[in-house]
Amino acid sequence: MEPTPDRTRALSAARAHLDRGFRFEQGGTLERALEAYADALAASAMPADKAEARLRIARVYRSRADFDKSIEEARAAVRLADEIGADDLAAEAMNIEVGVLQARGHFDEAEVIAHTAMQRATSPRVLGITLQNLGRGAAERGEFDTADRYFDDSIAAFREANYDLGLAVALTNAARSALDRGNALRSIEIGHEGILLARRLNVLDVLLTTVQNQAAAFVAIGNLESAEGLLTEALGHFTSARNPQRQAECLEIMGQMNEQRPDPDTAVRCYVRARDLATLADDRPLIDRLTKRIDEISASRSAAEDRAP
């Protein structure tokens, strides 16, 4: 049956709103992205369109560290996808919840959902997204060889899908994994490639996440001047985008930078502010890491005072 003119117009309007929202989302204008995706939701009664809109709304809420709303919208997207048997769409929506759980430090729970999503994914693009999340979870647990296998498989899937945005994300995660393994120079090399690709695609959120990782790698090799310039750029973007989790991570790196100078007072101020933001974002691993560092600096000061004549 041919679509009616009214239905055709509705489908066209919904797609236009989704495309507009994606441009805003990738540009870091998250409030306008939410508005556009809400317009897409209202423009169509089709479950596939509504599922796509809710998936994207969930993704924006995740970027803003509004995790409860993100999970709510992601699960709504899965329900809508299930109504029409759209396994690939359901798997992509499930990956949004995986990302939220990882941000909260619930890596085992996230892995269970990711494996379910991998079984349901039917396209190389969504398979690549799922493999990226599995790789991230493995890296967070320190299982770097496993993480590298997932990352390599995801890159192959993204190449098959001709999904350059996925490749940019993969390079960002691979750079972070290299840094976590203690290979800062390799991290800088991979990150440089990721930055070039993200700039070409004009995806600011991915770009500035890669820039943030580059700053951490420069701190690790003692190049504080290069790190400071990158951090200023990244922190400005994530503050404008109202992303408390990324702001907290930038401030953590600033704290590390000030410890090297050495300026422990400024370092503690950075860590305390970072912990406040991490608490707002409900990022438990980051909260614990910052608390440990604040306590270590405090203990070091107390020991120095006890040794003083």
C-alpha atoms as a PDB file:
ATOM      1  CA  MET A   1       0.000   0.000   0.000  1.00  0.00           C
ATOM      2  CA  GLU A   2       1.311   3.422  -0.948  1.00  0.00           C
ATOM      3  CA  PRO A   3       1.785   5.894   1.932  1.00  0.00           C
ATOM      4  CA  THR A   4      -0.795   8.650   2.097  1.00  0.00           C
ATOM      5  CA  PRO A   5       0.367  12.236   1.515  1.00  0.00           C
ATOM      6  CA  ASP A   6      -0.192  13.025   5.209  1.00  0.00           C
ATOM      7  CA  ARG A   7       1.888  10.039   6.304  1.00  0.00           C
ATOM      8  CA  THR A   8       4.646  10.901   3.825  1.00  0.00           C
ATOM      9  CA  ARG A   9       4.797  14.438   5.178  1.00  0.00           C
ATOM     10  CA  ALA A  10       4.916  13.113   8.764  1.00  0.00           C
ATOM     11  CA  LEU A  11       7.760  10.724   7.930  1.00  0.00           C
ATOM     12  CA  SER A  12       9.659  13.485   6.166  1.00  0.00           C
ATOM     13  CA  ALA A  13       9.162  15.881   9.076  1.00  0.00           C
ATOM     14  CA  ALA A  14      10.288  13.300  11.623  1.00  0.00           C
ATOM     15  CA  ARG A  15      13.448  12.541   9.633  1.00  0.00           C
ATOM     16  CA  ALA A  16      14.192  16.240   9.202  1.00  0.00           C
ATOM     17  CA  HIS A  17      13.935  16.764  12.966  1.00  0.00           C
ATOM     18  CA  LEU A  18      16.164  13.727  13.626  1.00  0.00           C
ATOM     19  CA  ASP A  19      18.787  14.986  11.185  1.00  0.00           C
ATOM     20  CA  ARG A  20      18.655  18.472  12.670  1.00  0.00           C
ATOM     21  CA  GLY A  21      18.977  17.083  16.183  1.00  0.00           C
ATOM     22  CA  PHE A  22      21.994  14.998  15.190  1.00  0.00           C
ATOM     23  CA  ARG A  23      23.775  18.075  13.866  1.00  0.00           C
ATOM     24  CA  PHE A  24      23.126  19.864  17.155  1.00  0.00           C
ATOM     25  CA  GLU A  25      24.182  16.812  19.174  1.00  0.00           C
ATOM     26  CA  GLN A  26      27.478  16.373  17.359  1.00  0.00           C
ATOM     27  CA  GLY A  27      28.118  20.098  17.652  1.00  0.00           C
ATOM     28  CA  GLY A  28      27.693  19.924  21.419  1.00  0.00           C
ATOM     29  CA  THR A  29      24.490  22.003  21.477  1.00  0.00           C
ATOM     30  CA  LEU A  30      22.633  19.472  23.578  1.00  0.00           C
ATOM     31  CA  GLU A  31      19.611  21.556  24.596  1.00  0.00           C
ATOM     32  CA  ARG A  32      18.747  22.221  20.960  1.00  0.00           C
ATOM     33  CA  ALA A  33      19.363  18.566  20.129  1.00  0.00           C
ATOM     34  CA  LEU A  34      16.822  17.550  22.767  1.00  0.00           C
ATOM     35  CA  GLU A  35      14.296  19.999  21.337  1.00  0.00           C
ATOM     36  CA  ALA A  36      14.773  18.651  17.817  1.00  0.00           C
ATOM     37  CA  TYR A  37      14.440  15.033  18.939  1.00  0.00           C
ATOM     38  CA  ALA A  38      11.291  15.905  20.911  1.00  0.00           C
ATOM     39  CA  ASP A  39       9.902  17.463  17.721  1.00  0.00           C
ATOM     40  CA  ALA A  40      10.682  14.224  15.861  1.00  0.00           C
ATOM     41  CA  LEU A  41       8.873  12.255  18.554  1.00  0.00           C
ATOM     42  CA  ALA A  42       5.797  14.429  18.137  1.00  0.00           C
ATOM     43  CA  ALA A  43       5.906  14.433  14.331  1.00  0.00           C
ATOM     44  CA  SER A  44       5.342  10.716  13.743  1.00  0.00           C
ATOM     45  CA  ALA A  45       3.146   7.978  15.164  1.00  0.00           C
ATOM     46  CA  MET A  46       5.359   5.226  13.703  1.00  0.00           C
ATOM     47  CA  PRO A  47       7.047   3.033  16.359  1.00  0.00           C
ATOM     48  CA  ALA A  48      10.354   2.960  14.447  1.00  0.00           C
ATOM     49  CA  ASP A  49      10.526   6.758  14.312  1.00  0.00           C
ATOM     50  CA  LYS A  50       9.551   7.066  17.954  1.00  0.00           C
ATOM     51  CA  ALA A  51      12.109   4.441  18.974  1.00  0.00           C
ATOM     52  CA  GLU A  52      14.821   6.282  17.029  1.00  0.00           C
ATOM     53  CA  ALA A  53      13.857   9.595  18.646  1.00  0.00           C
ATOM     54  CA  ARG A  54      13.837   8.132  22.153  1.00  0.00           C
ATOM     55  CA  LEU A  55      17.188   6.431  21.532  1.00  0.00           C
ATOM     56  CA  ARG A  56      18.710   9.760  20.576  1.00  0.00           C
ATOM     57  CA  ILE A  57      17.112  11.546  23.510  1.00  0.00           C
ATOM     58  CA  ALA A  58      18.614   8.871  25.778  1.00  0.00           C
ATOM     59  CA  ARG A  59      22.011   9.455  24.192  1.00  0.00           C
ATOM     60  CA  VAL A  60      21.833  13.202  24.842  1.00  0.00           C
ATOM     61  CA  TYR A  61      20.802  12.656  28.462  1.00  0.00           C
ATOM     62  CA  ARG A  62      23.775  10.313  28.836  1.00  0.00           C
ATOM     63  CA  SER A  63      26.083  13.008  27.449  1.00  0.00           C
ATOM     64  CA  ARG A  64      24.682  15.405  30.046  1.00  0.00           C
ATOM     65  CA  ALA A  65      25.174  12.773  32.778  1.00  0.00           C
ATOM     66  CA  ASP A  66      21.428  12.805  33.437  1.00  0.00           C
ATOM     67  CA  PHE A  67      21.646   9.058  33.826  1.00  0.00           C
ATOM     68  CA  ASP A  68      18.221   8.179  35.239  1.00  0.00           C
ATOM     69  CA  LYS A  69      16.466   9.927  32.358  1.00  0.00           C
ATOM     70  CA  SER A  70      18.858   8.328  29.894  1.00  0.00           C
ATOM     71  CA  ILE A  71      18.020   4.820  31.096  1.00  0.00           C
ATOM     72  CA  GLU A  72      14.296   5.601  31.086  1.00  0.00           C
ATOM     73  CA  GLU A  73      14.410   6.789  27.481  1.00  0.00           C
ATOM     74  CA  ALA A  74      16.686   3.943  26.342  1.00  0.00           C
ATOM     75  CA  ARG A  75      14.337   1.323  27.776  1.00  0.00           C
ATOM     76  CA  ALA A  76      11.369   3.048  26.145  1.00  0.00           C
ATOM     77  CA  ALA A  77      13.220   2.855  22.831  1.00  0.00           C
ATOM     78  CA  VAL A  78      13.843  -0.872  23.338  1.00  0.00           C
ATOM     79  CA  ARG A  79      10.140  -1.470  24.042  1.00  0.00           C
ATOM     80  CA  LEU A  80       9.128   0.373  20.887  1.00  0.00           C
ATOM     81  CA  ALA A  81      11.713  -1.510  18.830  1.00  0.00           C
ATOM     82  CA  ASP A  82      10.469  -4.814  20.256  1.00  0.00           C
ATOM     83  CA  GLU A  83       6.924  -3.989  19.131  1.00  0.00           C
ATOM     84  CA  ILE A  84       8.053  -4.081  15.510  1.00  0.00           C
ATOM     85  CA  GLY A  85      10.767  -6.728  15.814  1.00  0.00           C
ATOM     86  CA  ALA A  86      13.561  -4.224  15.114  1.00  0.00           C
ATOM     87  CA  ASP A  87      16.409  -6.111  16.779  1.00  0.00           C
ATOM     88  CA  ASP A  88      19.160  -3.826  15.514  1.00  0.00           C
ATOM     89  CA  LEU A  89      17.396  -0.715  16.799  1.00  0.00           C
ATOM     90  CA  ALA A  90      16.762  -2.412  20.153  1.00  0.00           C
ATOM     91  CA  ALA A  91      20.436  -3.406  20.390  1.00  0.00           C
ATOM     92  CA  GLU A  92      21.562   0.159  19.724  1.00  0.00           C
ATOM     93  CA  ALA A  93      19.212   1.462  22.432  1.00  0.00           C
ATOM     94  CA  MET A  94      20.520  -1.158  24.858  1.00  0.00           C
ATOM     95  CA  ASN A  95      24.007   0.183  24.288  1.00  0.00           C
ATOM     96  CA  ILE A  96      22.910   3.544  25.675  1.00  0.00           C
ATOM     97  CA  GLU A  97      22.098   1.873  28.992  1.00  0.00           C
ATOM     98  CA  VAL A  98      25.404  -0.010  28.830  1.00  0.00           C
ATOM     99  CA  GLY A  99      27.214   3.332  28.598  1.00  0.00           C
ATOM    100  CA  VAL A 100      25.323   4.712  31.584  1.00  0.00           C
ATOM    101  CA  LEU A 101      26.083   1.656  33.705  1.00  0.00           C
ATOM    102  CA  GLN A 102      29.762   1.892  32.809  1.00  0.00           C
ATOM    103  CA  ALA A 103      29.808   5.577  33.729  1.00  0.00           C
ATOM    104  CA  ARG A 104      28.383   4.609  37.117  1.00  0.00           C
ATOM    105  CA  GLY A 105      30.982   1.878  37.584  1.00  0.00           C
ATOM    106  CA  HIS A 106      28.539  -1.043  37.202  1.00  0.00           C
ATOM    107  CA  PHE A 107      30.739  -2.914  34.732  1.00  0.00           C
ATOM    108  CA  ASP A 108      29.464  -6.451  35.349  1.00  0.00           C
ATOM    109  CA  GLU A 109      25.835  -5.416  34.854  1.00  0.00           C
ATOM    110  CA  ALA A 110      26.803  -3.451  31.757  1.00  0.00           C
ATOM    111  CA  GLU A 111      28.607  -6.455  30.289  1.00  0.00           C
ATOM    112  CA  VAL A 112      25.530  -8.670  30.622  1.00  0.00           C
ATOM    113  CA  ILE A 113      23.403  -6.180  28.687  1.00  0.00           C
ATOM    114  CA  ALA A 114      26.158  -5.657  26.095  1.00  0.00           C
ATOM    115  CA  HIS A 115      26.352  -9.385  25.364  1.00  0.00           C
ATOM    116  CA  THR A 116      22.584  -9.460  24.898  1.00  0.00           C
ATOM    117  CA  ALA A 117      22.831  -6.484  22.567  1.00  0.00           C
ATOM    118  CA  MET A 118      25.573  -8.211  20.567  1.00  0.00           C
ATOM    119  CA  GLN A 119      23.283 -11.199  20.023  1.00  0.00           C
ATOM    120  CA  ARG A 120      20.534  -8.909  18.735  1.00  0.00           C
ATOM    121  CA  ALA A 121      22.657  -6.618  16.559  1.00  0.00           C
ATOM    122  CA  THR A 122      22.132  -7.244  12.857  1.00  0.00           C
ATOM    123  CA  SER A 123      24.242  -4.473  11.293  1.00  0.00           C
ATOM    124  CA  PRO A 124      28.027  -4.054  11.433  1.00  0.00           C
ATOM    125  CA  ARG A 125      27.552  -0.506  12.750  1.00  0.00           C
ATOM    126  CA  VAL A 126      25.606  -1.570  15.843  1.00  0.00           C
ATOM    127  CA  LEU A 127      27.855  -4.602  16.298  1.00  0.00           C
ATOM    128  CA  GLY A 128      30.812  -2.211  16.301  1.00  0.00           C
ATOM    129  CA  ILE A 129      29.175   0.012  18.913  1.00  0.00           C
ATOM    130  CA  THR A 130      28.561  -3.003  21.134  1.00  0.00           C
ATOM    131  CA  LEU A 131      32.130  -4.260  20.749  1.00  0.00           C
ATOM    132  CA  GLN A 132      33.394  -0.795  21.679  1.00  0.00           C
ATOM    133  CA  ASN A 133      31.416  -0.904  24.914  1.00  0.00           C
ATOM    134  CA  LEU A 134      32.652  -4.397  25.708  1.00  0.00           C
ATOM    135  CA  GLY A 135      36.198  -3.182  25.078  1.00  0.00           C
ATOM    136  CA  ARG A 136      35.710  -0.203  27.328  1.00  0.00           C
ATOM    137  CA  GLY A 137      34.424  -2.430  30.116  1.00  0.00           C
ATOM    138  CA  ALA A 138      37.392  -4.768  29.765  1.00  0.00           C
ATOM    139  CA  ALA A 139      39.821  -1.834  29.829  1.00  0.00           C
ATOM    140  CA  GLU A 140      38.222  -0.444  32.983  1.00  0.00           C
ATOM    141  CA  ARG A 141      38.776  -3.813  34.659  1.00  0.00           C
ATOM    142  CA  GLY A 142      42.414  -3.805  33.539  1.00  0.00           C
ATOM    143  CA  GLU A 143      41.889  -6.664  31.051  1.00  0.00           C
ATOM    144  CA  PHE A 144      43.789  -4.844  28.330  1.00  0.00           C
ATOM    145  CA  ASP A 145      44.461  -7.769  25.973  1.00  0.00           C
ATOM    146  CA  THR A 146      40.732  -8.546  25.924  1.00  0.00           C
ATOM    147  CA  ALA A 147      39.939  -4.858  25.448  1.00  0.00           C
ATOM    148  CA  ASP A 148      42.316  -4.658  22.483  1.00  0.00           C
ATOM    149  CA  ARG A 149      40.600  -7.614  20.801  1.00  0.00           C
ATOM    150  CA  TYR A 150      37.195  -5.988  21.227  1.00  0.00           C
ATOM    151  CA  PHE A 151      38.512  -2.646  19.945  1.00  0.00           C
ATOM    152  CA  ASP A 152      40.148  -4.291  16.913  1.00  0.00           C
ATOM    153  CA  ASP A 153      36.950  -6.187  16.074  1.00  0.00           C
ATOM    154  CA  SER A 154      34.886  -3.032  16.462  1.00  0.00           C
ATOM    155  CA  ILE A 155      37.155  -1.096  14.103  1.00  0.00           C
ATOM    156  CA  ALA A 156      36.754  -3.858  11.513  1.00  0.00           C
ATOM    157  CA  ALA A 157      32.969  -3.667  11.915  1.00  0.00           C
ATOM    158  CA  PHE A 158      32.971   0.121  11.561  1.00  0.00           C
ATOM    159  CA  ARG A 159      35.102  -0.106   8.428  1.00  0.00           C
ATOM    160  CA  GLU A 160      32.659  -2.634   6.969  1.00  0.00           C
ATOM    161  CA  ALA A 161      29.823  -0.235   7.779  1.00  0.00           C
ATOM    162  CA  ASN A 162      31.720   2.813   6.426  1.00  0.00           C
ATOM    163  CA  TYR A 163      30.946   4.416   9.796  1.00  0.00           C
ATOM    164  CA  ASP A 164      33.572   7.121  10.271  1.00  0.00           C
ATOM    165  CA  LEU A 165      32.013   8.442  13.473  1.00  0.00           C
ATOM    166  CA  GLY A 166      32.426   5.010  15.020  1.00  0.00           C
ATOM    167  CA  LEU A 167      36.062   4.963  13.923  1.00  0.00           C
ATOM    168  CA  ALA A 168      36.615   8.318  15.635  1.00  0.00           C
ATOM    169  CA  VAL A 169      35.130   6.956  18.860  1.00  0.00           C
ATOM    170  CA  ALA A 170      37.204   3.781  18.517  1.00  0.00           C
ATOM    171  CA  LEU A 171      40.416   5.773  18.177  1.00  0.00           C
ATOM    172  CA  THR A 172      39.475   7.818  21.242  1.00  0.00           C
ATOM    173  CA  ASN A 173      38.906   4.695  23.324  1.00  0.00           C
ATOM    174  CA  ALA A 174      42.065   3.020  22.012  1.00  0.00           C
ATOM    175  CA  ALA A 175      44.115   6.088  22.948  1.00  0.00           C
ATOM    176  CA  ARG A 176      42.668   6.030  26.453  1.00  0.00           C
ATOM    177  CA  SER A 177      43.379   2.317  26.783  1.00  0.00           C
ATOM    178  CA  ALA A 178      47.001   2.866  25.726  1.00  0.00           C
ATOM    179  CA  LEU A 179      47.362   5.559  28.386  1.00  0.00           C
ATOM    180  CA  ASP A 180      45.832   3.308  31.040  1.00  0.00           C
ATOM    181  CA  ARG A 181      48.410   0.665  30.114  1.00  0.00           C
ATOM    182  CA  GLY A 182      51.168   3.195  30.760  1.00  0.00           C
ATOM    183  CA  ASN A 183      52.040   3.859  27.117  1.00  0.00           C
ATOM    184  CA  ALA A 184      51.534   7.633  26.937  1.00  0.00           C
ATOM    185  CA  LEU A 185      53.488   8.079  23.699  1.00  0.00           C
ATOM    186  CA  ARG A 186      51.343   5.481  21.923  1.00  0.00           C
ATOM    187  CA  SER A 187      48.261   7.184  23.352  1.00  0.00           C
ATOM    188  CA  ILE A 188      49.369  10.527  21.901  1.00  0.00           C
ATOM    189  CA  GLU A 189      49.989   8.906  18.507  1.00  0.00           C
ATOM    190  CA  ILE A 190      46.558   7.251  18.364  1.00  0.00           C
ATOM    191  CA  GLY A 191      44.884  10.345  19.789  1.00  0.00           C
ATOM    192  CA  HIS A 192      46.401  12.548  17.092  1.00  0.00           C
ATOM    193  CA  GLU A 193      44.811  10.333  14.435  1.00  0.00           C
ATOM    194  CA  GLY A 194      41.497  10.481  16.292  1.00  0.00           C
ATOM    195  CA  ILE A 195      41.637  14.278  16.530  1.00  0.00           C
ATOM    196  CA  LEU A 196      42.256  14.631  12.779  1.00  0.00           C
ATOM    197  CA  LEU A 197      39.283  12.382  11.980  1.00  0.00           C
ATOM    198  CA  ALA A 198      36.967  14.042  14.511  1.00  0.00           C
ATOM    199  CA  ARG A 199      37.870  17.495  13.176  1.00  0.00           C
ATOM    200  CA  ARG A 200      37.136  16.350   9.623  1.00  0.00           C
ATOM    201  CA  LEU A 201      33.759  14.990  10.724  1.00  0.00           C
ATOM    202  CA  ASN A 202      33.089  18.089  12.871  1.00  0.00           C
ATOM    203  CA  VAL A 203      31.966  15.985  15.847  1.00  0.00           C
ATOM    204  CA  LEU A 204      32.875  18.233  18.735  1.00  0.00           C
ATOM    205  CA  ASP A 205      31.987  15.950  21.628  1.00  0.00           C
ATOM    206  CA  VAL A 206      34.197  13.141  20.323  1.00  0.00           C
ATOM    207  CA  LEU A 207      36.882  15.640  19.353  1.00  0.00           C
ATOM    208  CA  LEU A 208      37.064  17.247  22.784  1.00  0.00           C
ATOM    209  CA  THR A 209      37.014  13.873  24.541  1.00  0.00           C
ATOM    210  CA  THR A 210      40.048  12.929  22.457  1.00  0.00           C
ATOM    211  CA  VAL A 211      41.649  16.287  23.249  1.00  0.00           C
ATOM    212  CA  GLN A 212      41.056  15.621  26.952  1.00  0.00           C
ATOM    213  CA  ASN A 213      42.764  12.231  26.636  1.00  0.00           C
ATOM    214  CA  GLN A 214      45.680  13.873  24.830  1.00  0.00           C
ATOM    215  CA  ALA A 215      46.061  16.304  27.720  1.00  0.00           C
ATOM    216  CA  ALA A 216      46.222  13.412  30.202  1.00  0.00           C
ATOM    217  CA  ALA A 217      48.888  11.726  28.073  1.00  0.00           C
ATOM    218  CA  PHE A 218      50.965  14.923  27.938  1.00  0.00           C
ATOM    219  CA  VAL A 219      50.734  15.209  31.735  1.00  0.00           C
ATOM    220  CA  ALA A 220      51.963  11.619  31.974  1.00  0.00           C
ATOM    221  CA  ILE A 221      55.159  12.524  30.061  1.00  0.00           C
ATOM    222  CA  GLY A 222      55.593  15.840  31.906  1.00  0.00           C
ATOM    223  CA  ASN A 223      54.664  18.161  29.012  1.00  0.00           C
ATOM    224  CA  LEU A 224      52.493  20.414  31.166  1.00  0.00           C
ATOM    225  CA  GLU A 225      52.420  23.351  28.742  1.00  0.00           C
ATOM    226  CA  SER A 226      50.840  21.295  25.954  1.00  0.00           C
ATOM    227  CA  ALA A 227      48.469  19.653  28.431  1.00  0.00           C
ATOM    228  CA  GLU A 228      47.242  22.975  29.810  1.00  0.00           C
ATOM    229  CA  GLY A 229      46.276  24.369  26.415  1.00  0.00           C
ATOM    230  CA  LEU A 230      44.340  21.226  25.514  1.00  0.00           C
ATOM    231  CA  LEU A 231      42.592  21.094  28.888  1.00  0.00           C
ATOM    232  CA  THR A 232      41.419  24.687  28.587  1.00  0.00           C
ATOM    233  CA  GLU A 233      39.820  23.853  25.242  1.00  0.00           C
ATOM    234  CA  ALA A 234      38.195  20.655  26.496  1.00  0.00           C
ATOM    235  CA  LEU A 235      36.933  22.078  29.794  1.00  0.00           C
ATOM    236  CA  GLY A 236      35.398  25.063  28.032  1.00  0.00           C
ATOM    237  CA  HIS A 237      33.468  22.801  25.686  1.00  0.00           C
ATOM    238  CA  PHE A 238      32.193  20.416  28.365  1.00  0.00           C
ATOM    239  CA  THR A 239      31.184  23.308  30.613  1.00  0.00           C
ATOM    240  CA  SER A 240      29.197  24.830  27.759  1.00  0.00           C
ATOM    241  CA  ALA A 241      27.663  21.425  26.993  1.00  0.00           C
ATOM    242  CA  ARG A 242      26.729  20.984  30.679  1.00  0.00           C
ATOM    243  CA  ASN A 243      28.515  17.658  30.967  1.00  0.00           C
ATOM    244  CA  PRO A 244      29.588  17.353  34.620  1.00  0.00           C
ATOM    245  CA  GLN A 245      31.304  14.004  34.147  1.00  0.00           C
ATOM    246  CA  ARG A 246      33.701  15.268  31.487  1.00  0.00           C
ATOM    247  CA  GLN A 247      34.249  18.504  33.443  1.00  0.00           C
ATOM    248  CA  ALA A 248      35.228  16.430  36.466  1.00  0.00           C
ATOM    249  CA  GLU A 249      37.671  14.372  34.388  1.00  0.00           C
ATOM    250  CA  CYS A 250      39.289  17.552  33.025  1.00  0.00           C
ATOM    251  CA  LEU A 251      39.664  18.958  36.526  1.00  0.00           C
ATOM    252  CA  GLU A 252      41.200  15.685  37.695  1.00  0.00           C
ATOM    253  CA  ILE A 253      43.867  16.055  35.002  1.00  0.00           C
ATOM    254  CA  MET A 254      44.403  19.673  36.095  1.00  0.00           C
ATOM    255  CA  GLY A 255      44.937  18.406  39.615  1.00  0.00           C
ATOM    256  CA  GLN A 256      47.564  15.941  38.379  1.00  0.00           C
ATOM    257  CA  MET A 257      49.228  18.734  36.455  1.00  0.00           C
ATOM    258  CA  ASN A 258      49.410  20.955  39.549  1.00  0.00           C
ATOM    259  CA  GLU A 259      50.830  18.131  41.630  1.00  0.00           C
ATOM    260  CA  GLN A 260      53.733  17.927  39.194  1.00  0.00           C
ATOM    261  CA  ARG A 261      54.489  21.675  39.366  1.00  0.00           C
ATOM    262  CA  PRO A 262      54.341  21.202  42.478  1.00  0.00           C
ATOM    263  CA  ASP A 263      51.310  23.132  43.731  1.00  0.00           C
ATOM    264  CA  PRO A 264      49.419  20.788  46.074  1.00  0.00           C
ATOM    265  CA  ASP A 265      46.985  23.465  47.263  1.00  0.00           C
ATOM    266  CA  THR A 266      45.724  24.126  43.733  1.00  0.00           C
ATOM    267  CA  ALA A 267      45.738  20.390  43.042  1.00  0.00           C
ATOM    268  CA  VAL A 268      43.442  19.747  46.004  1.00  0.00           C
ATOM    269  CA  ARG A 269      41.093  22.530  44.920  1.00  0.00           C
ATOM    270  CA  CYS A 270      40.887  20.929  41.469  1.00  0.00           C
ATOM    271  CA  TYR A 271      40.229  17.503  42.970  1.00  0.00           C
ATOM    272  CA  VAL A 272      37.543  18.781  45.353  1.00  0.00           C
ATOM    273  CA  ARG A 273      35.706  20.598  42.568  1.00  0.00           C
ATOM    274  CA  ALA A 274      36.089  17.536  40.352  1.00  0.00           C
ATOM    275  CA  ARG A 275      34.627  15.325  43.076  1.00  0.00           C
ATOM    276  CA  ASP A 276      31.628  17.643  43.452  1.00  0.00           C
ATOM    277  CA  LEU A 277      30.946  17.341  39.731  1.00  0.00           C
ATOM    278  CA  ALA A 278      31.555  13.587  39.746  1.00  0.00           C
ATOM    279  CA  THR A 279      29.023  13.287  42.569  1.00  0.00           C
ATOM    280  CA  LEU A 280      26.531  15.229  40.470  1.00  0.00           C
ATOM    281  CA  ALA A 281      27.184  12.809  37.615  1.00  0.00           C
ATOM    282  CA  ASP A 282      27.035   9.754  39.929  1.00  0.00           C
ATOM    283  CA  ASP A 283      30.404   8.553  38.618  1.00  0.00           C
ATOM    284  CA  ARG A 284      31.418   6.268  41.483  1.00  0.00           C
ATOM    285  CA  PRO A 285      34.860   5.172  40.160  1.00  0.00           C
ATOM    286  CA  LEU A 286      35.859   8.801  39.634  1.00  0.00           C
ATOM    287  CA  ILE A 287      34.520   9.827  43.061  1.00  0.00           C
ATOM    288  CA  ASP A 288      36.538   7.063  44.727  1.00  0.00           C
ATOM    289  CA  ARG A 289      39.676   7.914  42.762  1.00  0.00           C
ATOM    290  CA  LEU A 290      39.470  11.625  43.638  1.00  0.00           C
ATOM    291  CA  THR A 291      38.732  10.945  47.304  1.00  0.00           C
ATOM    292  CA  LYS A 292      41.757   8.663  47.505  1.00  0.00           C
ATOM    293  CA  ARG A 293      44.030  11.309  45.985  1.00  0.00           C
ATOM    294  CA  ILE A 294      42.722  14.081  48.264  1.00  0.00           C
ATOM    295  CA  ASP A 295      43.296  11.841  51.295  1.00  0.00           C
ATOM    296  CA  GLU A 296      46.821  10.944  50.113  1.00  0.00           C
ATOM    297  CA  ILE A 297      47.789  14.609  49.755  1.00  0.00           C
ATOM    298  CA  SER A 298      46.333  15.370  53.179  1.00  0.00           C
ATOM    299  CA  ALA A 299      48.260  12.470  54.742  1.00  0.00           C
ATOM    300  CA  SER A 300      51.469  13.617  53.054  1.00  0.00           C
ATOM    301  CA  ARG A 301      51.020  17.119  54.462  1.00  0.00           C
ATOM    302  CA  SER A 302      50.382  15.781  57.954  1.00  0.00           C
ATOM    303  CA  ALA A 303      53.502  13.622  57.783  1.00  0.00           C
ATOM    304  CA  ALA A 304      55.569  16.609  56.631  1.00  0.00           C
ATOM    305  CA  GLU A 305      54.238  18.716  59.504  1.00  0.00           C
ATOM    306  CA  ASP A 306      55.097  15.974  62.005  1.00  0.00           C
ATOM    307  CA  ARG A 307      58.676  15.843  60.686  1.00  0.00           C
ATOM    308  CA  ALA A 308      59.087  19.633  60.849  1.00  0.00           C
ATOM    309  CA  PRO A 309      61.235  20.862  63.800  1.00  0.00           C
END
